[in-house]
Protein backbone atom coordinates (compact mmCIF):
# COMPACT_ATOMS: atom_id res chain seq x y z
CA UNK A 1 0.49 -25.56 33.53
CA UNK A 2 -0.16 -22.00 34.60
CA UNK A 3 2.73 -20.28 33.97
CA UNK A 4 4.03 -21.77 30.92
CA UNK A 5 0.49 -20.60 28.64
CA UNK A 6 0.71 -16.93 30.48
CA UNK A 7 4.35 -16.68 29.39
CA UNK A 8 3.24 -17.70 25.75
CA UNK A 9 0.46 -15.04 25.56
CA UNK A 10 3.17 -12.32 26.71
CA UNK A 11 5.60 -13.16 24.08
CA UNK A 12 2.41 -13.33 21.26
CA UNK A 13 1.70 -10.05 22.33
CA UNK A 14 5.00 -8.55 22.43
CA UNK A 15 5.93 -10.33 19.28
CA UNK A 16 2.44 -8.50 17.34
CA UNK A 17 3.72 -5.48 18.85
CA UNK A 18 7.10 -5.85 17.49
CA UNK A 19 5.99 -6.73 14.30
CA UNK A 20 3.60 -3.71 14.07
CA UNK A 21 6.30 -1.32 14.72
CA UNK A 22 8.92 -2.96 12.28
CA UNK A 23 6.00 -2.39 9.53
CA UNK A 24 5.36 0.79 10.50
CA UNK A 25 9.39 2.31 10.37
CA UNK A 26 9.47 0.01 6.96
CA UNK A 27 6.39 2.01 5.61
CA UNK A 28 7.89 5.53 6.98
CA UNK A 29 11.46 4.83 5.32
CA UNK A 30 10.13 3.93 2.17
CA UNK A 31 7.72 6.85 2.07
CA UNK A 32 10.90 8.67 2.58
CA UNK A 33 12.83 6.85 -0.38
CA UNK A 34 9.84 8.24 -2.95
CA UNK A 35 9.88 11.35 -1.98
CA UNK A 36 13.57 12.27 -2.64
CA UNK A 37 13.72 9.92 -6.09
CA UNK A 38 10.16 10.24 -7.44
CA UNK A 39 11.37 10.27 -10.85
CA UNK A 40 12.79 6.31 -10.14
CA UNK A 41 9.59 5.43 -8.15
CA UNK A 42 7.68 6.24 -10.88
CA UNK A 43 9.55 4.10 -13.27
CA UNK A 44 9.89 1.22 -10.69
CA UNK A 45 6.04 1.13 -10.37
CA UNK A 46 5.27 1.53 -14.36
CA UNK A 47 7.56 -1.89 -14.75
CA UNK A 48 6.14 -3.34 -12.03
CA UNK A 49 2.51 -3.12 -13.34
CA UNK A 50 4.05 -4.73 -16.71
CA UNK A 51 5.71 -7.22 -15.16
CA UNK A 52 2.37 -8.38 -13.00
CA UNK A 53 0.34 -8.06 -16.22
CA UNK A 54 2.84 -10.42 -17.77
CA UNK A 55 2.87 -12.81 -15.01
CA UNK A 56 -1.26 -12.76 -15.15
CA UNK A 57 -1.11 -13.60 -18.78
CA UNK A 58 1.72 -16.20 -18.44
CA UNK A 59 -0.53 -18.08 -16.26
CA UNK A 60 -3.94 -17.66 -17.92
CA UNK A 61 -1.85 -19.41 -20.96
CA UNK A 62 0.31 -21.83 -19.44
CA UNK A 63 -1.57 -22.93 -16.34
CA UNK A 64 -4.80 -21.93 -17.59
CA UNK A 65 -5.65 -19.68 -15.35
CA UNK A 66 -10.18 -18.75 -15.24
CA UNK A 67 -10.14 -16.43 -18.16
CA UNK A 68 -12.77 -14.18 -16.27
CA UNK A 69 -10.81 -13.57 -13.04
CA UNK A 70 -7.12 -13.02 -15.54
CA UNK A 71 -9.09 -9.97 -17.58
CA UNK A 72 -10.23 -8.57 -14.34
CA UNK A 73 -6.78 -8.56 -12.76
CA UNK A 74 -5.60 -7.32 -15.76
CA UNK A 75 -7.77 -4.63 -16.31
CA UNK A 76 -7.46 -3.61 -12.42
CA UNK A 77 -3.45 -3.28 -13.05
CA UNK A 78 -4.40 -1.00 -15.95
CA UNK A 79 -6.78 1.10 -13.67
CA UNK A 80 -3.90 1.39 -11.15
CA UNK A 81 -1.43 2.84 -13.75
CA UNK A 82 -4.08 5.44 -14.52
CA UNK A 83 -2.91 6.66 -10.80
CA UNK A 84 0.32 7.42 -12.33
CA UNK A 85 -0.39 10.28 -14.34
CA UNK A 86 0.15 12.95 -11.91
CA UNK A 87 2.35 10.86 -9.67
CA UNK A 88 2.85 11.26 -6.70
CA UNK A 89 -0.12 13.32 -6.25
CA UNK A 90 -3.78 11.92 -5.75
CA UNK A 91 -6.71 13.53 -5.16
CA UNK A 92 -8.70 10.93 -2.54
CA UNK A 93 -11.67 11.77 -4.01
CA UNK A 94 -10.58 10.80 -7.58
CA UNK A 95 -12.76 8.16 -8.95
CA UNK A 96 -9.42 6.72 -10.41
CA UNK A 97 -8.29 6.15 -7.03
CA UNK A 98 -11.61 4.88 -5.61
CA UNK A 99 -12.05 2.55 -8.40
CA UNK A 100 -8.80 1.03 -7.40
CA UNK A 101 -9.24 0.70 -3.70
CA UNK A 102 -12.75 -1.49 -5.13
CA UNK A 103 -10.72 -3.41 -7.32
CA UNK A 104 -8.46 -4.28 -4.75
CA UNK A 105 -11.06 -5.45 -2.41
CA UNK A 106 -12.83 -7.25 -5.49
CA UNK A 107 -9.91 -9.08 -6.72
CA UNK A 108 -8.97 -10.16 -3.27
CA UNK A 109 -12.38 -11.52 -3.02
CA UNK A 110 -12.84 -13.33 -5.88
CA UNK A 111 -9.31 -14.76 -6.12
CA UNK A 112 -9.46 -16.11 -2.48
CA UNK A 113 -13.22 -17.90 -3.31
CA UNK A 114 -11.26 -19.21 -6.36
CA UNK A 115 -8.61 -20.84 -4.67
CA UNK A 116 -10.38 -21.95 -1.57
CA UNK A 117 -13.40 -23.20 -3.28
CA UNK A 118 -11.96 -25.02 -6.72
CA UNK A 119 -14.44 -26.73 -9.14
CA UNK A 120 -14.73 -30.50 -8.88
CA UNK A 121 -12.28 -32.77 -11.16
CA UNK A 122 -15.39 -33.53 -13.63
CA UNK A 123 -14.15 -29.49 -14.67
CA UNK A 124 -11.67 -30.33 -17.66
CA UNK A 125 -10.48 -26.69 -17.93
CA UNK A 126 -9.19 -26.37 -14.68
CA UNK A 127 -6.07 -28.02 -14.22
CA UNK A 128 -6.28 -27.88 -10.33
CA UNK A 129 -8.51 -30.80 -8.21
CA UNK A 130 -8.47 -32.17 -4.82
CA UNK A 131 -6.31 -35.15 -5.53
CA UNK A 132 -4.41 -33.82 -8.38
CA UNK A 133 -0.61 -33.97 -7.69
CA UNK A 134 -0.70 -30.07 -9.60
CA UNK A 135 -2.80 -28.61 -6.48
CA UNK A 136 -1.19 -25.26 -5.73
CA UNK A 137 0.75 -25.46 -1.95
CA UNK A 138 -0.23 -22.64 0.33
CA UNK A 139 2.98 -21.17 -0.52
CA UNK A 140 1.89 -20.81 -4.23
CA UNK A 141 -1.12 -19.85 -3.27
CA UNK A 142 0.31 -16.82 -0.56
CA UNK A 143 3.13 -15.91 -3.36
CA UNK A 144 0.12 -15.35 -5.84
CA UNK A 145 -1.73 -13.13 -3.87
CA UNK A 146 1.57 -11.10 -2.76
CA UNK A 147 2.70 -10.61 -6.21
CA UNK A 148 -0.22 -10.49 -8.05
CA UNK A 149 -3.10 -9.01 -6.38
CA UNK A 150 -1.14 -7.01 -3.51
CA UNK A 151 1.91 -6.18 -4.18
CA UNK A 152 1.16 -3.03 -6.93
CA UNK A 153 -2.04 -1.79 -4.38
CA UNK A 154 0.48 -1.44 -1.61
CA UNK A 155 3.37 -0.50 -3.47
CA UNK A 156 0.79 2.89 -4.82
CA UNK A 157 0.10 3.37 -1.36
CA UNK A 158 3.39 3.66 -0.22
CA UNK A 159 4.26 5.75 -3.13
CA UNK A 160 1.53 8.18 -3.43
CA UNK A 161 0.80 11.52 -1.97
CA UNK A 162 -2.26 12.86 -0.72
CA UNK A 163 -3.62 15.99 -1.96
CA UNK A 164 -4.34 17.22 1.62
CA UNK A 165 -0.44 16.94 2.63
CA UNK A 166 0.83 18.90 -0.48
CA UNK A 167 2.49 21.92 -0.09
CA UNK A 168 1.06 24.48 -2.78
CA UNK A 169 3.30 24.13 -5.55
CA UNK A 170 3.43 24.36 -9.03
CA UNK A 171 1.24 21.81 -10.90
CA UNK A 172 -0.12 20.82 -7.38
CA UNK A 173 -3.38 22.81 -8.35
CA UNK A 174 -4.66 18.96 -9.16
CA UNK A 175 -4.49 18.72 -5.69
CA UNK A 176 -5.46 21.44 -3.52
CA UNK A 177 -8.05 22.60 -6.06
CA UNK A 178 -5.51 25.84 -5.83
CA UNK A 179 -3.66 27.65 -9.01
CA UNK A 180 -2.77 31.17 -7.70
CA UNK A 181 0.40 29.85 -5.52
CA UNK A 182 3.28 28.34 -7.20
CA UNK A 183 7.11 27.69 -6.71
CA UNK A 184 8.94 29.45 -9.82
CA UNK A 185 11.47 27.07 -11.27
CA UNK A 186 15.01 27.38 -10.22
CA UNK A 187 14.18 29.53 -7.18
CA UNK A 188 13.66 26.42 -4.64
CA UNK A 189 16.02 23.26 -4.43
CA UNK A 190 14.62 19.46 -3.45
CA UNK A 191 16.39 20.40 -0.29
CA UNK A 192 14.35 23.45 0.44
CA UNK A 193 11.65 21.77 -0.26
CA UNK A 194 11.77 19.02 1.88
CA UNK A 195 12.92 21.31 4.87
CA UNK A 196 9.80 23.04 4.45
CA UNK A 197 7.95 20.31 4.54
CA UNK A 198 9.49 19.12 7.90
CA UNK A 199 8.44 22.77 9.24
CA UNK A 200 5.31 22.73 8.39
CA UNK A 201 4.69 19.63 9.89
CA UNK A 202 3.10 18.10 6.54
CA UNK A 203 4.17 14.50 5.19
CA UNK A 204 3.61 14.14 1.90
CA UNK A 205 3.25 10.18 1.56
CA UNK A 206 -0.21 8.21 2.53
CA UNK A 207 1.83 6.39 4.43
CA UNK A 208 3.77 8.08 6.54
CA UNK A 209 0.50 10.48 6.93
CA UNK A 210 -1.07 7.02 8.38
CA UNK A 211 2.13 6.51 10.59
CA UNK A 212 2.44 9.88 12.08
CA UNK A 213 -1.48 10.03 13.03
CA UNK A 214 -1.06 6.75 14.88
CA UNK A 215 1.82 7.84 16.80
CA UNK A 216 -0.18 11.17 17.60
CA UNK A 217 -3.23 9.26 18.34
CA UNK A 218 -0.96 6.76 20.83
CA UNK A 219 0.91 9.83 22.25
CA UNK A 220 -2.60 12.01 23.14
CA UNK A 221 -3.95 8.54 24.39
CA UNK A 222 -1.33 7.77 26.50
CA UNK A 223 -1.26 11.02 27.97
CA UNK A 224 -5.03 11.10 28.86
CA UNK A 225 -4.13 7.71 30.57
CA UNK A 226 -1.69 9.21 32.45
CA UNK A 227 1.09 6.44 31.01
CA UNK A 228 3.38 9.35 30.53
CA UNK A 229 3.76 12.93 30.51
CA UNK A 230 2.92 15.69 27.91
CA UNK A 231 6.10 17.65 26.43
CA UNK A 232 4.36 20.61 27.94
CA UNK A 233 3.79 19.52 31.46
CA UNK A 234 5.94 19.89 34.54
CA UNK A 235 7.51 17.65 36.14
CA UNK A 236 6.79 16.76 39.88
């Protein structure tokens, strides 16, 4: 067979492309929601962090998860919570933000190593062994990673705003390093600030900035390769 494998490869490519576009659209939409409801987003993120910490404690006490890894995960979420001090603004060079990025990678690596190479059955403190009926399934492991390892960092990535993308306003000195320009209370509405961001081309959310950057790169690359015409190029 020659045609059917070719159809399979084309289907895989198109499926991956559509999945990527769906994720990008979802990130963009979530970033828009956070920009319009920052107070509610901060409350949800705070409660989400407390909920994940509660799950980690239950896994430690009930399922006898390793004490060291559980303590590291709880401490990591405590560090994540510190990024909400000036929510939704964050400096990309802030030591807490850089530490949070390092902790995300460390948590993923250590938990992955824990589940992929469990200790031998003779270890009494570890509840899972290759022949034990309590060995976690792939669904349980994936759910643990999604909820207890990746969920909070992913939500922070969508919600936080990079300092380089923030317009000068009251309290923006932390992000921009400038204190001379601010918006007086009561003189600018939320809608006005939102339209100002749109007119100036600045997008507050980091996720939105990433999506817009990728879209601009694809547009410029397509113009250079001649796949489509630029807006300023006259048609024949």
